[in-house]
Amino acid sequence: MGVTIQQALTKVSEKWEAARDMDIIGTPVYELIGFALFDIANSGDARIRGSIRRSTRAQKIIMNRMVGLRRPGSRPITRENDGLEFVDLTVGVIE
């Protein structure tokens, strides 16, 4: 039962919000890793050194794995059906 990275991240993104109360023992490892990656991507704190950089890096990993990389100089890859919403980490910090 092989699961690609894109399939794993898609599955995790669909149930990330409800994952706080999940049973960890029965959860596959790829889902736990995906949950950790989504948590890092959405929980940056501007008061902590390196936190924004870490969350931006996690967001980039998620986007590259779900949408794909693009060659330099080419148009960005866009999807009409799927999309990700990231939490704005600069609210209240930058004014």
PDB file of N, CA and C in Angstrom:
ATOM      1  N   MET A   1       0.837  -1.165   0.000  1.00  0.00           N
ATOM      2  CA  MET A   1       0.000   0.000   0.000  1.00  0.00           C
ATOM      3  C   MET A   1       0.890   1.238   0.000  1.00  0.00           C
ATOM      4  N   GLY A   2       1.345   1.636  -1.175  1.00  0.00           N
ATOM      5  CA  GLY A   2       2.199   2.797  -1.292  1.00  0.00           C
ATOM      6  C   GLY A   2       1.394   4.074  -1.428  1.00  0.00           C
ATOM      7  N   VAL A   3       1.863   5.103  -0.782  1.00  0.00           N
ATOM      8  CA  VAL A   3       1.212   6.400  -0.843  1.00  0.00           C
ATOM      9  C   VAL A   3       2.262   7.415  -1.285  1.00  0.00           C
ATOM     10  N   THR A   4       1.936   8.208  -2.305  1.00  0.00           N
ATOM     11  CA  THR A   4       2.868   9.233  -2.735  1.00  0.00           C
ATOM     12  C   THR A   4       2.805  10.409  -1.769  1.00  0.00           C
ATOM     13  N   ILE A   5       3.807  11.265  -1.860  1.00  0.00           N
ATOM     14  CA  ILE A   5       3.843  12.437  -0.984  1.00  0.00           C
ATOM     15  C   ILE A   5       2.664  13.347  -1.271  1.00  0.00           C
ATOM     16  N   GLN A   6       2.329  13.511  -2.534  1.00  0.00           N
ATOM     17  CA  GLN A   6       1.200  14.366  -2.898  1.00  0.00           C
ATOM     18  C   GLN A   6      -0.110  13.803  -2.356  1.00  0.00           C
ATOM     19  N   GLN A   7      -0.303  12.484  -2.447  1.00  0.00           N
ATOM     20  CA  GLN A   7      -1.520  11.879  -1.905  1.00  0.00           C
ATOM     21  C   GLN A   7      -1.582  12.040  -0.388  1.00  0.00           C
ATOM     22  N   ALA A   8      -0.435  11.860   0.277  1.00  0.00           N
ATOM     23  CA  ALA A   8      -0.410  11.988   1.732  1.00  0.00           C
ATOM     24  C   ALA A   8      -0.735  13.411   2.170  1.00  0.00           C
ATOM     25  N   LEU A   9      -0.132  14.406   1.515  1.00  0.00           N
ATOM     26  CA  LEU A   9      -0.392  15.790   1.896  1.00  0.00           C
ATOM     27  C   LEU A   9      -1.826  16.200   1.584  1.00  0.00           C
ATOM     28  N   THR A  10      -2.376  15.692   0.487  1.00  0.00           N
ATOM     29  CA  THR A  10      -3.772  15.992   0.167  1.00  0.00           C
ATOM     30  C   THR A  10      -4.700  15.409   1.225  1.00  0.00           C
ATOM     31  N   LYS A  11      -4.426  14.188   1.640  1.00  0.00           N
ATOM     32  CA  LYS A  11      -5.255  13.544   2.666  1.00  0.00           C
ATOM     33  C   LYS A  11      -5.155  14.295   3.993  1.00  0.00           C
ATOM     34  N   VAL A  12      -3.946  14.715   4.338  1.00  0.00           N
ATOM     35  CA  VAL A  12      -3.743  15.441   5.593  1.00  0.00           C
ATOM     36  C   VAL A  12      -4.403  16.815   5.534  1.00  0.00           C
ATOM     37  N   SER A  13      -4.309  17.489   4.382  1.00  0.00           N
ATOM     38  CA  SER A  13      -4.890  18.838   4.285  1.00  0.00           C
ATOM     39  C   SER A  13      -6.403  18.820   4.428  1.00  0.00           C
ATOM     40  N   GLU A  14      -7.031  17.730   4.039  1.00  0.00           N
ATOM     41  CA  GLU A  14      -8.488  17.630   4.147  1.00  0.00           C
ATOM     42  C   GLU A  14      -8.955  17.477   5.587  1.00  0.00           C
ATOM     43  N   LYS A  15      -8.150  16.866   6.434  1.00  0.00           N
ATOM     44  CA  LYS A  15      -8.597  16.638   7.811  1.00  0.00           C
ATOM     45  C   LYS A  15      -7.622  17.184   8.850  1.00  0.00           C
ATOM     46  N   TRP A  16      -6.875  18.240   8.472  1.00  0.00           N
ATOM     47  CA  TRP A  16      -5.888  18.802   9.390  1.00  0.00           C
ATOM     48  C   TRP A  16      -6.536  19.453  10.603  1.00  0.00           C
ATOM     49  N   GLU A  17      -7.601  20.194  10.412  1.00  0.00           N
ATOM     50  CA  GLU A  17      -8.251  20.891  11.523  1.00  0.00           C
ATOM     51  C   GLU A  17      -8.832  19.919  12.550  1.00  0.00           C
ATOM     52  N   ALA A  18      -9.367  18.798  12.092  1.00  0.00           N
ATOM     53  CA  ALA A  18      -9.982  17.827  12.999  1.00  0.00           C
ATOM     54  C   ALA A  18      -8.964  16.866  13.594  1.00  0.00           C
ATOM     55  N   ALA A  19      -7.709  17.020  13.256  1.00  0.00           N
ATOM     56  CA  ALA A  19      -6.681  16.072  13.681  1.00  0.00           C
ATOM     57  C   ALA A  19      -6.191  16.288  15.105  1.00  0.00           C
ATOM     58  N   ARG A  20      -6.617  17.335  15.736  1.00  0.00           N
ATOM     59  CA  ARG A  20      -6.137  17.622  17.098  1.00  0.00           C
ATOM     60  C   ARG A  20      -6.543  16.529  18.092  1.00  0.00           C
ATOM     61  N   ASP A  21      -7.694  15.898  17.871  1.00  0.00           N
ATOM     62  CA  ASP A  21      -8.202  14.913  18.827  1.00  0.00           C
ATOM     63  C   ASP A  21      -8.089  13.480  18.312  1.00  0.00           C
ATOM     64  N   MET A  22      -7.221  13.237  17.337  1.00  0.00           N
ATOM     65  CA  MET A  22      -7.103  11.901  16.751  1.00  0.00           C
ATOM     66  C   MET A  22      -6.320  10.950  17.652  1.00  0.00           C
ATOM     67  N   ASP A  23      -6.556   9.672  17.431  1.00  0.00           N
ATOM     68  CA  ASP A  23      -5.798   8.630  18.105  1.00  0.00           C
ATOM     69  C   ASP A  23      -4.454   8.483  17.399  1.00  0.00           C
ATOM     70  N   ILE A  24      -3.368   8.802  18.082  1.00  0.00           N
ATOM     71  CA  ILE A  24      -2.043   8.799  17.464  1.00  0.00           C
ATOM     72  C   ILE A  24      -1.562   7.383  17.164  1.00  0.00           C
ATOM     73  N   ILE A  25      -1.914   6.425  17.983  1.00  0.00           N
ATOM     74  CA  ILE A  25      -1.422   5.061  17.818  1.00  0.00           C
ATOM     75  C   ILE A  25      -1.900   4.445  16.506  1.00  0.00           C
ATOM     76  N   GLY A  26      -3.130   4.694  16.114  1.00  0.00           N
ATOM     77  CA  GLY A  26      -3.675   4.086  14.912  1.00  0.00           C
ATOM     78  C   GLY A  26      -3.451   4.890  13.641  1.00  0.00           C
ATOM     79  N   THR A  27      -2.746   5.999  13.734  1.00  0.00           N
ATOM     80  CA  THR A  27      -2.534   6.871  12.580  1.00  0.00           C
ATOM     81  C   THR A  27      -1.274   6.461  11.827  1.00  0.00           C
ATOM     82  N   PRO A  28      -1.333   6.368  10.500  1.00  0.00           N
ATOM     83  CA  PRO A  28      -0.132   6.049   9.726  1.00  0.00           C
ATOM     84  C   PRO A  28       0.949   7.123   9.899  1.00  0.00           C
ATOM     85  N   VAL A  29       2.206   6.721   9.745  1.00  0.00           N
ATOM     86  CA  VAL A  29       3.333   7.627   9.951  1.00  0.00           C
ATOM     87  C   VAL A  29       3.291   8.796   8.977  1.00  0.00           C
ATOM     88  N   TYR A  30       2.914   8.540   7.713  1.00  0.00           N
ATOM     89  CA  TYR A  30       2.903   9.628   6.742  1.00  0.00           C
ATOM     90  C   TYR A  30       1.892  10.706   7.121  1.00  0.00           C
ATOM     91  N   GLU A  31       0.801  10.328   7.788  1.00  0.00           N
ATOM     92  CA  GLU A  31      -0.162  11.330   8.241  1.00  0.00           C
ATOM     93  C   GLU A  31       0.397  12.134   9.411  1.00  0.00           C
ATOM     94  N   LEU A  32       1.106  11.474  10.328  1.00  0.00           N
ATOM     95  CA  LEU A  32       1.701  12.194  11.453  1.00  0.00           C
ATOM     96  C   LEU A  32       2.726  13.212  10.976  1.00  0.00           C
ATOM     97  N   ILE A  33       3.545  12.831   9.986  1.00  0.00           N
ATOM     98  CA  ILE A  33       4.533  13.743   9.430  1.00  0.00           C
ATOM     99  C   ILE A  33       3.835  14.901   8.725  1.00  0.00           C
ATOM    100  N   GLY A  34       2.787  14.591   7.978  1.00  0.00           N
ATOM    101  CA  GLY A  34       2.027  15.642   7.305  1.00  0.00           C
ATOM    102  C   GLY A  34       1.376  16.601   8.285  1.00  0.00           C
ATOM    103  N   PHE A  35       0.804  16.074   9.366  1.00  0.00           N
ATOM    104  CA  PHE A  35       0.198  16.930  10.386  1.00  0.00           C
ATOM    105  C   PHE A  35       1.246  17.853  11.008  1.00  0.00           C
ATOM    106  N   ALA A  36       2.436  17.299  11.277  1.00  0.00           N
ATOM    107  CA  ALA A  36       3.506  18.122  11.850  1.00  0.00           C
ATOM    108  C   ALA A  36       3.926  19.219  10.876  1.00  0.00           C
ATOM    109  N   LEU A  37       4.020  18.887   9.598  1.00  0.00           N
ATOM    110  CA  LEU A  37       4.412  19.865   8.590  1.00  0.00           C
ATOM    111  C   LEU A  37       3.364  20.978   8.454  1.00  0.00           C
ATOM    112  N   PHE A  38       2.086  20.618   8.436  1.00  0.00           N
ATOM    113  CA  PHE A  38       1.029  21.624   8.363  1.00  0.00           C
ATOM    114  C   PHE A  38       0.992  22.473   9.628  1.00  0.00           C
ATOM    115  N   ASP A  39       1.265  21.864  10.770  1.00  0.00           N
ATOM    116  CA  ASP A  39       1.281  22.614  12.020  1.00  0.00           C
ATOM    117  C   ASP A  39       2.416  23.640  12.022  1.00  0.00           C
ATOM    118  N   ILE A  40       3.585  23.246  11.556  1.00  0.00           N
ATOM    119  CA  ILE A  40       4.716  24.174  11.469  1.00  0.00           C
ATOM    120  C   ILE A  40       4.399  25.300  10.489  1.00  0.00           C
ATOM    121  N   ALA A  41       3.780  24.944   9.355  1.00  0.00           N
ATOM    122  CA  ALA A  41       3.483  25.941   8.324  1.00  0.00           C
ATOM    123  C   ALA A  41       2.468  26.980   8.793  1.00  0.00           C
ATOM    124  N   ASN A  42       1.604  26.620   9.720  1.00  0.00           N
ATOM    125  CA  ASN A  42       0.539  27.529  10.148  1.00  0.00           C
ATOM    126  C   ASN A  42       0.726  28.097  11.545  1.00  0.00           C
ATOM    127  N   SER A  43       1.880  27.880  12.165  1.00  0.00           N
ATOM    128  CA  SER A  43       2.029  28.346  13.543  1.00  0.00           C
ATOM    129  C   SER A  43       3.295  29.164  13.756  1.00  0.00           C
ATOM    130  N   GLY A  44       3.685  29.950  12.790  1.00  0.00           N
ATOM    131  CA  GLY A  44       4.848  30.812  12.977  1.00  0.00           C
ATOM    132  C   GLY A  44       4.539  31.951  13.933  1.00  0.00           C
ATOM    133  N   ASP A  45       5.528  32.363  14.698  1.00  0.00           N
ATOM    134  CA  ASP A  45       5.356  33.453  15.655  1.00  0.00           C
ATOM    135  C   ASP A  45       6.486  34.458  15.437  1.00  0.00           C
ATOM    136  N   ALA A  46       6.138  35.687  15.158  1.00  0.00           N
ATOM    137  CA  ALA A  46       7.135  36.706  14.848  1.00  0.00           C
ATOM    138  C   ALA A  46       8.006  37.055  16.051  1.00  0.00           C
ATOM    139  N   ARG A  47       7.554  36.739  17.248  1.00  0.00           N
ATOM    140  CA  ARG A  47       8.351  37.043  18.442  1.00  0.00           C
ATOM    141  C   ARG A  47       9.460  36.040  18.679  1.00  0.00           C
ATOM    142  N   ILE A  48       9.373  34.877  18.026  1.00  0.00           N
ATOM    143  CA  ILE A  48      10.379  33.835  18.210  1.00  0.00           C
ATOM    144  C   ILE A  48      11.330  33.853  17.021  1.00  0.00           C
ATOM    145  N   ARG A  49      12.612  33.917  17.311  1.00  0.00           N
ATOM    146  CA  ARG A  49      13.617  34.010  16.263  1.00  0.00           C
ATOM    147  C   ARG A  49      13.602  32.751  15.395  1.00  0.00           C
ATOM    148  N   GLY A  50      13.505  32.946  14.101  1.00  0.00           N
ATOM    149  CA  GLY A  50      13.543  31.842  13.154  1.00  0.00           C
ATOM    150  C   GLY A  50      12.212  31.159  12.917  1.00  0.00           C
ATOM    151  N   SER A  51      11.185  31.551  13.646  1.00  0.00           N
ATOM    152  CA  SER A  51       9.892  30.888  13.522  1.00  0.00           C
ATOM    153  C   SER A  51       9.216  31.182  12.189  1.00  0.00           C
ATOM    154  N   ILE A  52       9.284  32.432  11.748  1.00  0.00           N
ATOM    155  CA  ILE A  52       8.679  32.803  10.468  1.00  0.00           C
ATOM    156  C   ILE A  52       9.416  32.116   9.325  1.00  0.00           C
ATOM    157  N   ARG A  53      10.745  32.077   9.401  1.00  0.00           N
ATOM    158  CA  ARG A  53      11.534  31.404   8.366  1.00  0.00           C
ATOM    159  C   ARG A  53      11.192  29.924   8.304  1.00  0.00           C
ATOM    160  N   ARG A  54      11.037  29.309   9.460  1.00  0.00           N
ATOM    161  CA  ARG A  54      10.691  27.888   9.517  1.00  0.00           C
ATOM    162  C   ARG A  54       9.301  27.629   8.939  1.00  0.00           C
ATOM    163  N   SER A  55       8.345  28.484   9.284  1.00  0.00           N
ATOM    164  CA  SER A  55       6.997  28.284   8.761  1.00  0.00           C
ATOM    165  C   SER A  55       6.942  28.558   7.257  1.00  0.00           C
ATOM    166  N   THR A  56       7.689  29.548   6.788  1.00  0.00           N
ATOM    167  CA  THR A  56       7.748  29.822   5.349  1.00  0.00           C
ATOM    168  C   THR A  56       8.373  28.658   4.602  1.00  0.00           C
ATOM    169  N   ARG A  57       9.382  28.077   5.183  1.00  0.00           N
ATOM    170  CA  ARG A  57      10.024  26.910   4.561  1.00  0.00           C
ATOM    171  C   ARG A  57       9.073  25.723   4.490  1.00  0.00           C
ATOM    172  N   ALA A  58       8.299  25.508   5.546  1.00  0.00           N
ATOM    173  CA  ALA A  58       7.312  24.424   5.546  1.00  0.00           C
ATOM    174  C   ALA A  58       6.226  24.684   4.511  1.00  0.00           C
ATOM    175  N   GLN A  59       5.797  25.948   4.370  1.00  0.00           N
ATOM    176  CA  GLN A  59       4.806  26.293   3.356  1.00  0.00           C
ATOM    177  C   GLN A  59       5.354  26.016   1.960  1.00  0.00           C
ATOM    178  N   LYS A  60       6.624  26.331   1.744  1.00  0.00           N
ATOM    179  CA  LYS A  60       7.247  26.091   0.442  1.00  0.00           C
ATOM    180  C   LYS A  60       7.329  24.592   0.143  1.00  0.00           C
ATOM    181  N   ILE A  61       7.658  23.791   1.146  1.00  0.00           N
ATOM    182  CA  ILE A  61       7.707  22.333   0.970  1.00  0.00           C
ATOM    183  C   ILE A  61       6.332  21.812   0.578  1.00  0.00           C
ATOM    184  N   ILE A  62       5.301  22.265   1.279  1.00  0.00           N
ATOM    185  CA  ILE A  62       3.940  21.810   0.982  1.00  0.00           C
ATOM    186  C   ILE A  62       3.537  22.208  -0.435  1.00  0.00           C
ATOM    187  N   MET A  63       3.777  23.458  -0.803  1.00  0.00           N
ATOM    188  CA  MET A  63       3.398  23.922  -2.134  1.00  0.00           C
ATOM    189  C   MET A  63       4.161  23.176  -3.230  1.00  0.00           C
ATOM    190  N   ASN A  64       5.449  22.966  -3.045  1.00  0.00           N
ATOM    191  CA  ASN A  64       6.237  22.267  -4.063  1.00  0.00           C
ATOM    192  C   ASN A  64       5.792  20.824  -4.226  1.00  0.00           C
ATOM    193  N   ARG A  65       5.411  20.186  -3.147  1.00  0.00           N
ATOM    194  CA  ARG A  65       5.000  18.783  -3.217  1.00  0.00           C
ATOM    195  C   ARG A  65       3.576  18.608  -3.717  1.00  0.00           C
ATOM    196  N   MET A  66       2.703  19.558  -3.431  1.00  0.00           N
ATOM    197  CA  MET A  66       1.309  19.419  -3.851  1.00  0.00           C
ATOM    198  C   MET A  66       1.067  19.955  -5.256  1.00  0.00           C
ATOM    199  N   VAL A  67       1.726  21.043  -5.616  1.00  0.00           N
ATOM    200  CA  VAL A  67       1.492  21.669  -6.908  1.00  0.00           C
ATOM    201  C   VAL A  67       2.610  21.336  -7.883  1.00  0.00           C
ATOM    202  N   GLY A  68       3.811  21.287  -7.431  1.00  0.00           N
ATOM    203  CA  GLY A  68       4.945  20.983  -8.291  1.00  0.00           C
ATOM    204  C   GLY A  68       5.873  22.169  -8.429  1.00  0.00           C
ATOM    205  N   LEU A  69       7.108  21.874  -8.795  1.00  0.00           N
ATOM    206  CA  LEU A  69       8.101  22.918  -9.015  1.00  0.00           C
ATOM    207  C   LEU A  69       7.930  23.512 -10.402  1.00  0.00           C
ATOM    208  N   ARG A  70       8.417  24.706 -10.585  1.00  0.00           N
ATOM    209  CA  ARG A  70       8.392  25.296 -11.906  1.00  0.00           C
ATOM    210  C   ARG A  70       9.816  25.661 -12.301  1.00  0.00           C
ATOM    211  N   ARG A  71      10.053  25.659 -13.594  1.00  0.00           N
ATOM    212  CA  ARG A  71      11.370  26.047 -14.090  1.00  0.00           C
ATOM    213  C   ARG A  71      11.510  27.559 -13.980  1.00  0.00           C
ATOM    214  N   PRO A  72      12.714  28.042 -13.683  1.00  0.00           N
ATOM    215  CA  PRO A  72      12.903  29.498 -13.638  1.00  0.00           C
ATOM    216  C   PRO A  72      12.586  30.113 -14.997  1.00  0.00           C
ATOM    217  N   GLY A  73      11.870  31.213 -14.989  1.00  0.00           N
ATOM    218  CA  GLY A  73      11.512  31.894 -16.218  1.00  0.00           C
ATOM    219  C   GLY A  73      10.201  31.443 -16.819  1.00  0.00           C
ATOM    220  N   SER A  74       9.605  30.397 -16.267  1.00  0.00           N
ATOM    221  CA  SER A  74       8.323  29.927 -16.786  1.00  0.00           C
ATOM    222  C   SER A  74       7.193  30.511 -15.939  1.00  0.00           C
ATOM    223  N   ARG A  75       5.996  30.397 -16.436  1.00  0.00           N
ATOM    224  CA  ARG A  75       4.851  30.901 -15.687  1.00  0.00           C
ATOM    225  C   ARG A  75       4.604  30.025 -14.459  1.00  0.00           C
ATOM    226  N   PRO A  76       4.120  30.612 -13.393  1.00  0.00           N
ATOM    227  CA  PRO A  76       3.819  29.810 -12.200  1.00  0.00           C
ATOM    228  C   PRO A  76       2.720  28.792 -12.478  1.00  0.00           C
ATOM    229  N   ILE A  77       2.821  27.660 -11.834  1.00  0.00           N
ATOM    230  CA  ILE A  77       1.812  26.618 -11.964  1.00  0.00           C
ATOM    231  C   ILE A  77       0.579  27.054 -11.186  1.00  0.00           C
ATOM    232  N   THR A  78      -0.578  26.958 -11.806  1.00  0.00           N
ATOM    233  CA  THR A  78      -1.814  27.310 -11.110  1.00  0.00           C
ATOM    234  C   THR A  78      -2.815  26.185 -11.262  1.00  0.00           C
ATOM    235  N   ARG A  79      -3.595  26.011 -10.251  1.00  0.00           N
ATOM    236  CA  ARG A  79      -4.683  25.047 -10.271  1.00  0.00           C
ATOM    237  C   ARG A  79      -5.967  25.790  -9.998  1.00  0.00           C
ATOM    238  N   GLU A  80      -6.984  25.439 -10.732  1.00  0.00           N
ATOM    239  CA  GLU A  80      -8.260  26.117 -10.536  1.00  0.00           C
ATOM    240  C   GLU A  80      -9.077  25.478  -9.427  1.00  0.00           C
ATOM    241  N   ASN A  81      -8.909  24.192  -9.209  1.00  0.00           N
ATOM    242  CA  ASN A  81      -9.757  23.486  -8.253  1.00  0.00           C
ATOM    243  C   ASN A  81      -9.185  23.477  -6.846  1.00  0.00           C
ATOM    244  N   ASP A  82      -7.892  23.249  -6.719  1.00  0.00           N
ATOM    245  CA  ASP A  82      -7.293  23.072  -5.404  1.00  0.00           C
ATOM    246  C   ASP A  82      -6.532  24.321  -5.000  1.00  0.00           C
ATOM    247  N   GLY A  83      -6.458  24.528  -3.722  1.00  0.00           N
ATOM    248  CA  GLY A  83      -5.689  25.641  -3.199  1.00  0.00           C
ATOM    249  C   GLY A  83      -5.474  25.464  -1.710  1.00  0.00           C
ATOM    250  N   LEU A  84      -4.494  26.131  -1.196  1.00  0.00           N
ATOM    251  CA  LEU A  84      -4.189  26.082   0.221  1.00  0.00           C
ATOM    252  C   LEU A  84      -4.363  27.466   0.807  1.00  0.00           C
ATOM    253  N   GLU A  85      -4.843  27.540   2.012  1.00  0.00           N
ATOM    254  CA  GLU A  85      -4.942  28.800   2.714  1.00  0.00           C
ATOM    255  C   GLU A  85      -4.022  28.743   3.924  1.00  0.00           C
ATOM    256  N   PHE A  86      -3.088  29.678   3.968  1.00  0.00           N
ATOM    257  CA  PHE A  86      -2.159  29.754   5.081  1.00  0.00           C
ATOM    258  C   PHE A  86      -2.577  30.894   5.997  1.00  0.00           C
ATOM    259  N   VAL A  87      -2.252  30.760   7.250  1.00  0.00           N
ATOM    260  CA  VAL A  87      -2.580  31.767   8.243  1.00  0.00           C
ATOM    261  C   VAL A  87      -1.632  32.954   8.049  1.00  0.00           C
ATOM    262  N   ASP A  88      -2.165  34.181   8.082  1.00  0.00           N
ATOM    263  CA  ASP A  88      -1.342  35.376   7.977  1.00  0.00           C
ATOM    264  C   ASP A  88      -0.605  35.571   9.300  1.00  0.00           C
ATOM    265  N   LEU A  89       0.707  35.384   9.266  1.00  0.00           N
ATOM    266  CA  LEU A  89       1.500  35.423  10.497  1.00  0.00           C
ATOM    267  C   LEU A  89       1.911  36.831  10.898  1.00  0.00           C
ATOM    268  N   THR A  90       1.632  37.809  10.055  1.00  0.00           N
ATOM    269  CA  THR A  90       2.060  39.172  10.356  1.00  0.00           C
ATOM    270  C   THR A  90       0.958  40.029  10.954  1.00  0.00           C
ATOM    271  N   VAL A  91      -0.194  39.460  11.234  1.00  0.00           N
ATOM    272  CA  VAL A  91      -1.304  40.227  11.798  1.00  0.00           C
ATOM    273  C   VAL A  91      -0.926  40.693  13.210  1.00  0.00           C
ATOM    274  N   GLY A  92      -1.025  41.975  13.436  1.00  0.00           N
ATOM    275  CA  GLY A  92      -0.721  42.520  14.753  1.00  0.00           C
ATOM    276  C   GLY A  92       0.736  42.791  15.007  1.00  0.00           C
ATOM    277  N   VAL A  93       1.627  42.312  14.149  1.00  0.00           N
ATOM    278  CA  VAL A  93       3.062  42.518  14.362  1.00  0.00           C
ATOM    279  C   VAL A  93       3.562  43.644  13.479  1.00  0.00           C
ATOM    280  N   ILE A  94       3.187  43.610  12.220  1.00  0.00           N
ATOM    281  CA  ILE A  94       3.599  44.646  11.275  1.00  0.00           C
ATOM    282  C   ILE A  94       2.452  45.630  11.113  1.00  0.00           C
ATOM    283  N   GLU A  95       2.729  46.859  11.380  1.00  0.00           N
ATOM    284  CA  GLU A  95       1.683  47.872  11.247  1.00  0.00           C
ATOM    285  C   GLU A  95       2.194  49.085  10.534  1.00  0.00           C
TER     286      GLU A  95
END
